[in-house]
Amino acid sequence: MSSETFEIIELANGDVALRRSGHKEDPLVSIHFSAESLQFMRKHKVAIARAMLEAGIEAVHNLDDLEPGYFEEDEESLPVNHTIH
């Protein structure tokens, strides 16, 4: 496992992002919340984004546990905007 350090930052546009600590390049991941969701979350935006990022990092750590072919799908049969859950 890498010992690299990451930081959660708030971008100038209000999005929350994950980047390598001490690096100023584009973030690895950014999260954009709609105005409606921001009204609902109020001051908890960063805490919610942090939980989302932590879940994503955990999922990446668990990729080796997935069965071969898990991500293989017929891309032509998927709509441009689709729900994944």
N, C-alpha and C. Protein backbone atom coordinates (compact mmCIF):
# COMPACT_ATOMS: atom_id res chain seq x y z
N MET A 1 0.84 -1.17 0.00
CA MET A 1 0.00 0.00 0.00
C MET A 1 0.89 1.24 0.00
N SER A 2 0.48 2.23 -0.75
CA SER A 2 1.24 3.46 -0.86
C SER A 2 1.15 4.28 0.42
N SER A 3 2.24 4.97 0.74
CA SER A 3 2.24 5.84 1.91
C SER A 3 2.01 7.29 1.51
N GLU A 4 1.57 7.50 0.28
CA GLU A 4 1.32 8.84 -0.21
C GLU A 4 0.19 9.49 0.58
N THR A 5 0.32 10.79 0.81
CA THR A 5 -0.69 11.52 1.58
C THR A 5 -1.56 12.34 0.64
N PHE A 6 -2.84 12.37 0.93
CA PHE A 6 -3.80 13.11 0.15
C PHE A 6 -4.49 14.14 1.03
N GLU A 7 -5.08 15.16 0.40
CA GLU A 7 -5.81 16.16 1.16
C GLU A 7 -7.13 16.46 0.47
N ILE A 8 -8.11 16.78 1.29
CA ILE A 8 -9.41 17.20 0.78
C ILE A 8 -9.42 18.72 0.82
N ILE A 9 -9.77 19.31 -0.32
CA ILE A 9 -9.76 20.76 -0.44
C ILE A 9 -11.10 21.25 -0.99
N GLU A 10 -11.38 22.52 -0.77
CA GLU A 10 -12.53 23.14 -1.40
C GLU A 10 -12.00 24.05 -2.51
N LEU A 11 -12.48 23.83 -3.72
CA LEU A 11 -12.04 24.60 -4.87
C LEU A 11 -12.72 25.96 -4.90
N ALA A 12 -12.20 26.87 -5.70
CA ALA A 12 -12.75 28.22 -5.80
C ALA A 12 -14.21 28.22 -6.23
N ASN A 13 -14.62 27.21 -7.00
CA ASN A 13 -16.02 27.15 -7.46
C ASN A 13 -16.95 26.48 -6.44
N GLY A 14 -16.41 26.09 -5.28
CA GLY A 14 -17.22 25.48 -4.23
C GLY A 14 -17.21 23.96 -4.24
N ASP A 15 -16.66 23.35 -5.28
CA ASP A 15 -16.57 21.89 -5.31
C ASP A 15 -15.57 21.42 -4.27
N VAL A 16 -15.73 20.20 -3.82
CA VAL A 16 -14.80 19.58 -2.88
C VAL A 16 -13.96 18.59 -3.68
N ALA A 17 -12.65 18.56 -3.43
CA ALA A 17 -11.77 17.73 -4.25
C ALA A 17 -10.73 17.00 -3.41
N LEU A 18 -10.18 15.96 -3.99
CA LEU A 18 -9.09 15.18 -3.39
C LEU A 18 -7.87 15.35 -4.27
N ARG A 19 -6.75 15.71 -3.65
CA ARG A 19 -5.50 15.82 -4.40
C ARG A 19 -4.35 15.34 -3.54
N ARG A 20 -3.22 15.12 -4.19
CA ARG A 20 -2.02 14.74 -3.45
C ARG A 20 -1.56 15.92 -2.61
N SER A 21 -1.19 15.67 -1.38
CA SER A 21 -0.73 16.74 -0.49
C SER A 21 0.48 17.44 -1.07
N GLY A 22 0.44 18.76 -1.00
CA GLY A 22 1.56 19.56 -1.46
C GLY A 22 1.63 19.76 -2.95
N HIS A 23 0.71 19.18 -3.69
CA HIS A 23 0.69 19.31 -5.15
C HIS A 23 -0.41 20.29 -5.54
N LYS A 24 -0.15 21.08 -6.53
CA LYS A 24 -1.12 22.08 -6.96
C LYS A 24 -1.80 21.73 -8.29
N GLU A 25 -1.45 20.55 -8.86
CA GLU A 25 -2.06 20.18 -10.12
C GLU A 25 -3.54 19.84 -9.95
N ASP A 26 -4.19 19.52 -11.05
CA ASP A 26 -5.61 19.19 -11.00
C ASP A 26 -5.86 18.09 -9.97
N PRO A 27 -6.99 18.17 -9.27
CA PRO A 27 -7.30 17.14 -8.27
C PRO A 27 -7.56 15.79 -8.93
N LEU A 28 -7.42 14.74 -8.16
CA LEU A 28 -7.68 13.39 -8.63
C LEU A 28 -9.18 13.17 -8.82
N VAL A 29 -9.96 13.72 -7.90
CA VAL A 29 -11.42 13.58 -7.91
C VAL A 29 -12.01 14.88 -7.42
N SER A 30 -13.13 15.29 -8.02
CA SER A 30 -13.84 16.44 -7.48
C SER A 30 -15.32 16.10 -7.38
N ILE A 31 -15.98 16.68 -6.40
CA ILE A 31 -17.40 16.44 -6.15
C ILE A 31 -18.12 17.76 -6.27
N HIS A 32 -19.14 17.78 -7.13
CA HIS A 32 -19.96 18.97 -7.31
C HIS A 32 -21.35 18.68 -6.75
N PHE A 33 -21.81 19.51 -5.84
CA PHE A 33 -23.15 19.39 -5.28
C PHE A 33 -24.06 20.43 -5.92
N SER A 34 -25.26 20.03 -6.24
CA SER A 34 -26.23 20.98 -6.80
C SER A 34 -26.65 21.98 -5.73
N ALA A 35 -27.23 23.09 -6.17
CA ALA A 35 -27.72 24.10 -5.24
C ALA A 35 -28.76 23.50 -4.30
N GLU A 36 -29.61 22.64 -4.83
CA GLU A 36 -30.64 22.00 -3.99
C GLU A 36 -30.02 21.14 -2.90
N SER A 37 -29.01 20.35 -3.26
CA SER A 37 -28.38 19.49 -2.25
C SER A 37 -27.61 20.32 -1.23
N LEU A 38 -27.02 21.44 -1.66
CA LEU A 38 -26.30 22.30 -0.72
C LEU A 38 -27.25 22.89 0.32
N GLN A 39 -28.46 23.25 -0.08
CA GLN A 39 -29.44 23.76 0.88
C GLN A 39 -29.79 22.69 1.90
N PHE A 40 -29.86 21.46 1.46
CA PHE A 40 -30.20 20.35 2.35
C PHE A 40 -29.05 20.05 3.31
N MET A 41 -27.80 20.07 2.81
CA MET A 41 -26.65 19.70 3.63
C MET A 41 -26.20 20.81 4.56
N ARG A 42 -26.41 22.04 4.14
CA ARG A 42 -25.95 23.23 4.86
C ARG A 42 -24.46 23.16 5.15
N LYS A 43 -24.08 23.22 6.40
CA LYS A 43 -22.66 23.29 6.77
C LYS A 43 -21.94 21.94 6.74
N HIS A 44 -22.63 20.88 6.37
CA HIS A 44 -22.05 19.54 6.41
C HIS A 44 -21.48 19.09 5.06
N LYS A 45 -21.34 20.00 4.10
CA LYS A 45 -20.89 19.65 2.75
C LYS A 45 -19.55 18.92 2.78
N VAL A 46 -18.58 19.43 3.49
CA VAL A 46 -17.24 18.82 3.48
C VAL A 46 -17.27 17.46 4.17
N ALA A 47 -18.02 17.32 5.25
CA ALA A 47 -18.10 16.03 5.94
C ALA A 47 -18.74 14.98 5.04
N ILE A 48 -19.75 15.36 4.29
CA ILE A 48 -20.41 14.42 3.38
C ILE A 48 -19.47 14.07 2.23
N ALA A 49 -18.79 15.05 1.68
CA ALA A 49 -17.83 14.79 0.61
C ALA A 49 -16.72 13.87 1.10
N ARG A 50 -16.27 14.10 2.32
CA ARG A 50 -15.22 13.25 2.90
C ARG A 50 -15.68 11.80 2.99
N ALA A 51 -16.92 11.59 3.44
CA ALA A 51 -17.45 10.22 3.53
C ALA A 51 -17.53 9.59 2.14
N MET A 52 -17.92 10.37 1.14
CA MET A 52 -17.99 9.87 -0.23
C MET A 52 -16.59 9.49 -0.73
N LEU A 53 -15.61 10.33 -0.48
CA LEU A 53 -14.24 10.05 -0.91
C LEU A 53 -13.67 8.83 -0.20
N GLU A 54 -13.93 8.71 1.10
CA GLU A 54 -13.45 7.55 1.85
C GLU A 54 -14.07 6.26 1.32
N ALA A 55 -15.36 6.31 0.97
CA ALA A 55 -16.01 5.13 0.40
C ALA A 55 -15.38 4.77 -0.94
N GLY A 56 -15.05 5.78 -1.74
CA GLY A 56 -14.40 5.53 -3.02
C GLY A 56 -13.02 4.93 -2.86
N ILE A 57 -12.27 5.43 -1.91
CA ILE A 57 -10.92 4.89 -1.65
C ILE A 57 -11.02 3.45 -1.18
N GLU A 58 -11.98 3.16 -0.32
CA GLU A 58 -12.17 1.78 0.14
C GLU A 58 -12.54 0.87 -1.02
N ALA A 59 -13.39 1.36 -1.92
CA ALA A 59 -13.77 0.57 -3.09
C ALA A 59 -12.56 0.26 -3.96
N VAL A 60 -11.67 1.23 -4.13
CA VAL A 60 -10.46 1.01 -4.92
C VAL A 60 -9.59 -0.06 -4.26
N HIS A 61 -9.50 -0.03 -2.94
CA HIS A 61 -8.70 -1.03 -2.23
C HIS A 61 -9.29 -2.43 -2.39
N ASN A 62 -10.59 -2.51 -2.63
CA ASN A 62 -11.27 -3.80 -2.74
C ASN A 62 -11.40 -4.29 -4.18
N LEU A 63 -10.81 -3.59 -5.14
CA LEU A 63 -10.93 -4.00 -6.55
C LEU A 63 -10.40 -5.40 -6.80
N ASP A 64 -9.36 -5.78 -6.10
CA ASP A 64 -8.78 -7.12 -6.31
C ASP A 64 -9.73 -8.22 -5.87
N ASP A 65 -10.72 -7.90 -5.03
CA ASP A 65 -11.66 -8.89 -4.54
C ASP A 65 -12.80 -9.15 -5.53
N LEU A 66 -12.93 -8.30 -6.55
CA LEU A 66 -14.01 -8.46 -7.52
C LEU A 66 -13.71 -9.61 -8.47
N GLU A 67 -14.77 -10.23 -8.96
CA GLU A 67 -14.62 -11.32 -9.91
C GLU A 67 -14.15 -10.78 -11.25
N PRO A 68 -13.36 -11.56 -11.98
CA PRO A 68 -12.92 -11.13 -13.30
C PRO A 68 -14.13 -10.81 -14.19
N GLY A 69 -14.02 -9.75 -14.97
CA GLY A 69 -15.11 -9.37 -15.87
C GLY A 69 -16.18 -8.53 -15.22
N TYR A 70 -16.03 -8.17 -13.95
CA TYR A 70 -17.05 -7.40 -13.23
C TYR A 70 -17.41 -6.11 -13.95
N PHE A 71 -16.41 -5.42 -14.50
CA PHE A 71 -16.65 -4.13 -15.14
C PHE A 71 -16.91 -4.24 -16.63
N GLU A 72 -16.83 -5.42 -17.18
CA GLU A 72 -17.03 -5.57 -18.61
C GLU A 72 -18.51 -5.51 -18.94
N GLU A 73 -18.88 -4.52 -19.75
CA GLU A 73 -20.25 -4.35 -20.19
C GLU A 73 -20.23 -3.97 -21.66
N ASP A 74 -21.30 -4.22 -22.33
CA ASP A 74 -21.44 -3.80 -23.72
C ASP A 74 -21.73 -2.31 -23.72
N GLU A 75 -20.70 -1.50 -23.99
CA GLU A 75 -20.83 -0.04 -23.89
C GLU A 75 -21.86 0.51 -24.87
N GLU A 76 -22.08 -0.15 -25.99
CA GLU A 76 -23.05 0.33 -26.96
C GLU A 76 -24.47 0.22 -26.44
N SER A 77 -24.72 -0.69 -25.51
CA SER A 77 -26.07 -0.88 -25.00
C SER A 77 -26.40 0.06 -23.83
N LEU A 78 -25.40 0.79 -23.32
CA LEU A 78 -25.63 1.69 -22.21
C LEU A 78 -25.99 3.08 -22.70
N PRO A 79 -27.02 3.70 -22.11
CA PRO A 79 -27.33 5.09 -22.49
C PRO A 79 -26.23 6.03 -22.00
N VAL A 80 -26.18 7.22 -22.58
CA VAL A 80 -25.16 8.19 -22.20
C VAL A 80 -25.27 8.53 -20.73
N ASN A 81 -26.47 8.83 -20.25
CA ASN A 81 -26.71 9.11 -18.82
C ASN A 81 -27.51 7.94 -18.27
N HIS A 82 -26.92 7.21 -17.37
CA HIS A 82 -27.62 6.08 -16.80
C HIS A 82 -27.39 6.03 -15.30
N THR A 83 -28.29 5.37 -14.61
CA THR A 83 -28.22 5.24 -13.17
C THR A 83 -27.41 3.99 -12.82
N ILE A 84 -26.46 4.17 -11.93
CA ILE A 84 -25.65 3.04 -11.47
C ILE A 84 -25.90 2.89 -9.97
N HIS A 85 -26.36 1.73 -9.59
CA HIS A 85 -26.55 1.45 -8.16
C HIS A 85 -26.64 0.00 -7.90
